[in-house]
Amino acid sequence: MRETPRLGILPLMQGWPWPIDPLPARTVVIGAHPDDEVIGAGALLARLPDATVVHVTDGAPRNESDARAAGFAGWTEYAAARRAEAEAALAVAGLTPERLTALLRDGGFDAVITHAYEGGHPDHDATALAVHAACRLIEAAGQSPPHLVEMAGYHALGGSFIAGTFIAHAEAGPVATVALDAKARRLKRRMLDCHATQRAVLAPFTVQLERFRAAPRYDFRIPPHPGALHYDTRNWGMIGEHWRRLAQTALEQLRLACPL
């Protein structure tokens, strides 16, 4: 987290649409992997001097296939490279690493920005489930959870890979589409370029805009859209049917009922 005096947020965001009014001063961005925060909110991060970034995983699958494909001997070297790339990208936005961890309950955050539940990646869906569950547990303890905002990622509604848009949801807030100016586009491109090991993966993602919306309450026991999910069609060791069984087990253990 950036070690500077807190600046006024609203002037920094003048002219940017935002799904929460007023704009929260203390924000945490929670992504499943190093680079997710840049894909969904890279330009926004540069305008949030008190932002904290949390990576749920180190981005290095333990089966080591991704590590070897990227030219590393094993997952530990790959994880270290991805950590260094993430730190370099966040430094471009003016954010220096502290621990890259935070607890929503005790962090004093006004808002949390994270993935939508859309079947793009099992880790994205698991992160969405964890964040929604944490907010409900905070409520159950009689406290006020942070505002929950989603950043657009990717999905396969209709059978094709679609990046940068949300699947429509009746209970979601209006989509705030932020068209990035030339300066913001250059900054976001520099951040993405820091993730050299992910160059091919990041190629489909635009630097033209970012989209956000207030999160709906999801029923994680049912598919996020009809038809095959994106990760149903990939060799990632997880399919939607099994993911939802695991989600149901987690919800039962936490004594939470959907929708979250």
Protein backbone atom coordinates (compact mmCIF):
# COMPACT_ATOMS: atom_id res chain seq x y z
CA MET A 1 0.00 0.00 0.00
CA ARG A 2 1.29 3.43 -0.85
CA GLU A 3 3.05 5.18 2.02
CA THR A 4 1.90 8.75 1.34
CA PRO A 5 -0.53 11.15 2.99
CA ARG A 6 -4.11 10.56 1.96
CA LEU A 7 -5.21 12.74 -0.94
CA GLY A 8 -8.69 13.87 -1.87
CA ILE A 9 -10.27 11.12 -3.97
CA LEU A 10 -13.16 12.90 -5.62
CA PRO A 11 -10.97 15.47 -7.44
CA LEU A 12 -8.80 12.61 -8.71
CA MET A 13 -11.87 10.88 -10.11
CA GLN A 14 -13.54 13.96 -11.58
CA GLY A 15 -15.23 13.00 -14.82
CA TRP A 16 -15.08 9.26 -14.12
CA PRO A 17 -18.37 7.41 -13.68
CA TRP A 18 -18.47 5.25 -10.58
CA PRO A 19 -21.08 2.80 -9.24
CA ILE A 20 -20.91 4.07 -5.65
CA ASP A 21 -21.80 7.57 -4.46
CA PRO A 22 -19.82 9.04 -2.84
CA LEU A 23 -16.62 7.48 -4.04
CA PRO A 24 -15.05 5.52 -1.16
CA ALA A 25 -11.78 6.79 0.23
CA ARG A 26 -10.35 3.40 1.28
CA THR A 27 -10.52 0.67 -1.33
CA VAL A 28 -9.10 -2.85 -1.58
CA VAL A 29 -8.85 -4.60 -4.95
CA ILE A 30 -8.90 -8.38 -4.64
CA GLY A 31 -7.82 -10.42 -7.65
CA ALA A 32 -7.33 -14.14 -8.02
CA HIS A 33 -3.93 -13.81 -9.74
CA PRO A 34 -1.15 -11.26 -10.16
CA ASP A 35 -2.30 -9.16 -13.19
CA ASP A 36 -6.06 -9.47 -12.57
CA GLU A 37 -6.11 -6.08 -10.86
CA VAL A 38 -4.41 -4.52 -13.89
CA ILE A 39 -6.84 -6.12 -16.35
CA GLY A 40 -9.89 -4.94 -14.44
CA ALA A 41 -8.80 -1.76 -12.69
CA GLY A 42 -5.27 -0.76 -13.67
CA ALA A 43 -6.07 2.83 -14.63
CA LEU A 44 -8.35 3.23 -11.62
CA LEU A 45 -5.56 2.14 -9.25
CA ALA A 46 -3.44 5.08 -10.32
CA ARG A 47 -6.24 7.37 -9.11
CA LEU A 48 -6.68 5.70 -5.71
CA PRO A 49 -3.68 6.65 -3.55
CA ASP A 50 -4.90 4.61 -0.57
CA ALA A 51 -5.72 1.46 -2.52
CA THR A 52 -4.58 -1.94 -1.25
CA VAL A 53 -4.13 -4.86 -3.66
CA VAL A 54 -4.66 -8.47 -2.61
CA HIS A 55 -3.68 -11.47 -4.74
CA VAL A 56 -5.49 -14.61 -3.60
CA THR A 57 -2.99 -16.92 -5.36
CA ASP A 58 0.60 -16.56 -6.53
CA GLY A 59 -0.41 -17.34 -10.11
CA ALA A 60 1.80 -20.44 -10.30
CA PRO A 61 -0.17 -23.72 -10.61
CA ARG A 62 1.51 -26.54 -8.74
CA ASN A 63 1.34 -28.95 -11.67
CA GLU A 64 4.12 -26.75 -13.13
CA SER A 65 2.84 -26.92 -16.72
CA ASP A 66 2.49 -23.13 -16.89
CA ALA A 67 5.89 -22.69 -15.25
CA ARG A 68 7.64 -24.89 -17.80
CA ALA A 69 5.76 -23.29 -20.69
CA ALA A 70 7.09 -19.94 -19.51
CA GLY A 71 10.64 -21.25 -19.35
CA PHE A 72 10.99 -21.79 -15.59
CA ALA A 73 12.37 -24.87 -13.85
CA GLY A 74 9.45 -25.11 -11.43
CA TRP A 75 6.53 -23.34 -9.83
CA THR A 76 8.56 -21.57 -7.14
CA GLU A 77 10.68 -19.70 -9.70
CA TYR A 78 7.56 -18.92 -11.72
CA ALA A 79 5.75 -17.62 -8.63
CA ALA A 80 8.71 -15.37 -7.78
CA ALA A 81 8.73 -13.96 -11.31
CA ARG A 82 5.02 -13.27 -11.20
CA ARG A 83 5.39 -11.53 -7.84
CA ALA A 84 8.15 -9.32 -9.25
CA GLU A 85 6.03 -8.50 -12.29
CA ALA A 86 3.08 -7.55 -10.09
CA GLU A 87 5.24 -5.28 -7.95
CA ALA A 88 6.65 -3.58 -11.04
CA ALA A 89 3.17 -3.05 -12.50
CA LEU A 90 1.81 -1.59 -9.26
CA ALA A 91 4.84 0.69 -9.01
CA VAL A 92 3.86 2.13 -12.39
CA ALA A 93 0.54 3.09 -10.81
CA GLY A 94 2.31 4.58 -7.81
CA LEU A 95 1.55 1.69 -5.44
CA THR A 96 4.40 -0.02 -3.62
CA PRO A 97 3.93 -3.46 -1.99
CA GLU A 98 3.44 -3.82 1.74
CA ARG A 99 2.22 -7.37 2.31
CA LEU A 100 -0.44 -7.66 -0.44
CA THR A 101 -2.80 -9.10 2.15
CA ALA A 102 -5.73 -7.62 4.02
CA LEU A 103 -8.65 -8.65 6.14
CA LEU A 104 -11.94 -7.04 5.16
CA ARG A 105 -13.16 -7.12 8.72
CA ASP A 106 -10.28 -5.18 10.22
CA GLY A 107 -8.90 -3.26 7.26
CA GLY A 108 -11.23 -0.28 7.55
CA PHE A 109 -12.06 -0.44 3.85
CA ASP A 110 -15.01 1.47 2.43
CA ALA A 111 -15.15 -0.60 -0.76
CA VAL A 112 -13.84 -3.85 -2.17
CA ILE A 113 -13.40 -4.37 -5.91
CA THR A 114 -13.23 -7.95 -7.12
CA HIS A 115 -14.31 -10.43 -9.78
CA ALA A 116 -17.83 -11.09 -10.94
CA TYR A 117 -19.17 -14.65 -10.78
CA GLU A 118 -19.21 -15.36 -14.51
CA GLY A 119 -17.45 -18.67 -15.18
CA GLY A 120 -14.37 -17.17 -16.80
CA HIS A 121 -11.82 -18.83 -14.50
CA PRO A 122 -12.44 -21.09 -11.49
CA ASP A 123 -10.09 -18.96 -9.37
CA HIS A 124 -12.06 -15.82 -10.29
CA ASP A 125 -15.29 -17.50 -9.27
CA ALA A 126 -13.73 -18.79 -6.04
CA THR A 127 -12.46 -15.30 -5.21
CA ALA A 128 -15.92 -13.84 -5.83
CA LEU A 129 -17.44 -16.49 -3.56
CA ALA A 130 -14.90 -15.80 -0.80
CA VAL A 131 -15.41 -12.03 -0.91
CA HIS A 132 -19.21 -12.28 -0.94
CA ALA A 133 -19.10 -14.80 1.89
CA ALA A 134 -16.80 -12.56 3.94
CA CYS A 135 -19.22 -9.65 3.52
CA ARG A 136 -22.15 -11.79 4.66
CA LEU A 137 -20.20 -13.03 7.70
CA ILE A 138 -19.39 -9.43 8.61
CA GLU A 139 -23.11 -8.63 8.41
CA ALA A 140 -23.93 -11.67 10.54
CA ALA A 141 -21.58 -10.30 13.20
CA GLY A 142 -23.60 -7.08 13.29
CA GLN A 143 -21.04 -4.97 11.43
CA SER A 144 -21.24 -3.07 8.15
CA PRO A 145 -19.30 -4.70 5.29
CA PRO A 146 -17.55 -2.63 2.64
CA HIS A 147 -19.40 -1.74 -0.54
CA LEU A 148 -18.91 -4.57 -3.02
CA VAL A 149 -17.94 -3.54 -6.56
CA GLU A 150 -17.09 -5.75 -9.53
CA MET A 151 -14.52 -5.17 -12.25
CA ALA A 152 -15.16 -6.62 -15.70
CA GLY A 153 -13.08 -9.65 -16.61
CA TYR A 154 -14.09 -12.30 -19.14
CA HIS A 155 -16.66 -15.03 -19.74
CA ALA A 156 -18.01 -17.28 -22.48
CA LEU A 157 -21.72 -16.45 -22.60
CA GLY A 158 -22.96 -17.54 -26.02
CA GLY A 159 -20.01 -19.86 -26.57
CA SER A 160 -17.34 -17.29 -27.39
CA PHE A 161 -14.60 -15.70 -25.27
CA ILE A 162 -15.73 -12.18 -24.30
CA ALA A 163 -13.47 -9.79 -22.40
CA GLY A 164 -14.22 -6.47 -20.75
CA THR A 165 -17.99 -6.78 -20.38
CA PHE A 166 -20.34 -8.11 -17.74
CA ILE A 167 -23.04 -10.73 -18.03
CA ALA A 168 -26.31 -8.91 -17.41
CA HIS A 169 -27.74 -9.52 -13.95
CA ALA A 170 -31.12 -8.20 -12.81
CA GLU A 171 -29.84 -7.28 -9.35
CA ALA A 172 -26.54 -5.70 -10.37
CA GLY A 173 -26.03 -1.97 -10.32
CA PRO A 174 -25.68 0.06 -13.53
CA VAL A 175 -22.44 -0.53 -15.40
CA ALA A 176 -19.98 2.36 -15.13
CA THR A 177 -17.92 2.40 -18.33
CA VAL A 178 -14.74 4.43 -18.01
CA ALA A 179 -13.27 5.44 -21.38
CA LEU A 180 -9.54 5.90 -20.77
CA ASP A 181 -7.81 8.94 -22.17
CA ALA A 182 -4.43 8.70 -23.89
CA LYS A 183 -2.46 9.14 -20.65
CA ALA A 184 -4.46 6.45 -18.85
CA ARG A 185 -4.13 4.09 -21.82
CA ARG A 186 -0.36 4.50 -21.84
CA LEU A 187 -0.18 3.88 -18.11
CA LYS A 188 -2.33 0.76 -18.32
CA ARG A 189 -0.27 -0.54 -21.26
CA ARG A 190 2.92 -0.06 -19.23
CA MET A 191 1.35 -1.97 -16.34
CA LEU A 192 0.30 -4.85 -18.59
CA ASP A 193 3.73 -4.94 -20.23
CA CYS A 194 5.30 -5.51 -16.81
CA HIS A 195 3.67 -8.96 -16.82
CA ALA A 196 6.07 -10.36 -19.43
CA THR A 197 5.36 -14.01 -18.56
CA GLN A 198 1.68 -13.43 -19.33
CA ARG A 199 2.06 -11.62 -22.65
CA ALA A 200 0.04 -14.14 -24.67
CA VAL A 201 -2.65 -14.43 -21.98
CA LEU A 202 -3.08 -10.66 -21.76
CA ALA A 203 -3.20 -10.03 -25.52
CA PRO A 204 -7.04 -10.06 -25.76
CA PHE A 205 -7.54 -7.39 -23.10
CA THR A 206 -8.11 -3.77 -24.03
CA VAL A 207 -6.55 -0.62 -22.64
CA GLN A 208 -9.39 1.49 -24.04
CA LEU A 209 -11.80 1.27 -21.12
CA GLU A 210 -12.59 -0.22 -17.73
CA ARG A 211 -16.01 -1.26 -16.48
CA PHE A 212 -17.36 -1.50 -12.93
CA ARG A 213 -20.71 -2.13 -11.29
CA ALA A 214 -22.15 -2.62 -7.84
CA ALA A 215 -22.22 -6.39 -7.29
CA PRO A 216 -25.47 -8.32 -7.15
CA ARG A 217 -26.11 -11.16 -4.74
CA TYR A 218 -25.20 -14.39 -6.46
CA ASP A 219 -26.43 -17.93 -6.02
CA PHE A 220 -23.12 -19.74 -6.33
CA ARG A 221 -24.88 -23.11 -6.44
CA ILE A 222 -26.13 -22.52 -9.99
CA PRO A 223 -24.21 -21.77 -13.20
CA PRO A 224 -23.59 -18.09 -13.91
CA HIS A 225 -24.94 -18.47 -17.45
CA PRO A 226 -26.47 -21.14 -19.71
CA GLY A 227 -24.20 -23.43 -21.68
CA ALA A 228 -20.55 -24.28 -21.17
CA LEU A 229 -18.49 -22.03 -18.93
CA HIS A 230 -15.15 -20.82 -20.25
CA TYR A 231 -13.25 -23.11 -17.92
CA ASP A 232 -15.41 -26.06 -18.92
CA THR A 233 -13.60 -25.85 -22.26
CA ARG A 234 -10.08 -25.47 -20.86
CA ASN A 235 -7.68 -28.01 -19.38
CA TRP A 236 -7.44 -26.23 -16.03
CA GLY A 237 -8.29 -29.13 -13.74
CA MET A 238 -11.75 -27.80 -12.88
CA ILE A 239 -15.19 -27.75 -14.47
CA GLY A 240 -18.24 -25.80 -13.40
CA GLU A 241 -20.20 -28.77 -12.09
CA HIS A 242 -17.44 -29.80 -9.70
CA TRP A 243 -16.75 -26.16 -8.73
CA ARG A 244 -20.39 -25.71 -7.71
CA ARG A 245 -20.29 -28.86 -5.58
CA LEU A 246 -17.27 -27.46 -3.77
CA ALA A 247 -19.03 -24.11 -3.39
CA GLN A 248 -22.05 -25.82 -1.85
CA THR A 249 -19.81 -27.60 0.65
CA ALA A 250 -18.09 -24.35 1.58
CA LEU A 251 -21.41 -22.56 2.06
CA GLU A 252 -22.66 -25.35 4.32
CA GLN A 253 -19.48 -25.20 6.41
CA LEU A 254 -19.86 -21.43 6.76
CA ARG A 255 -23.58 -21.77 7.48
CA LEU A 256 -24.43 -19.31 4.74
CA ALA A 257 -27.46 -19.42 2.48
CA CYS A 258 -27.56 -18.21 -1.11
CA PRO A 259 -27.92 -15.74 -2.65
CA LEU A 260 -24.91 -14.14 -0.97
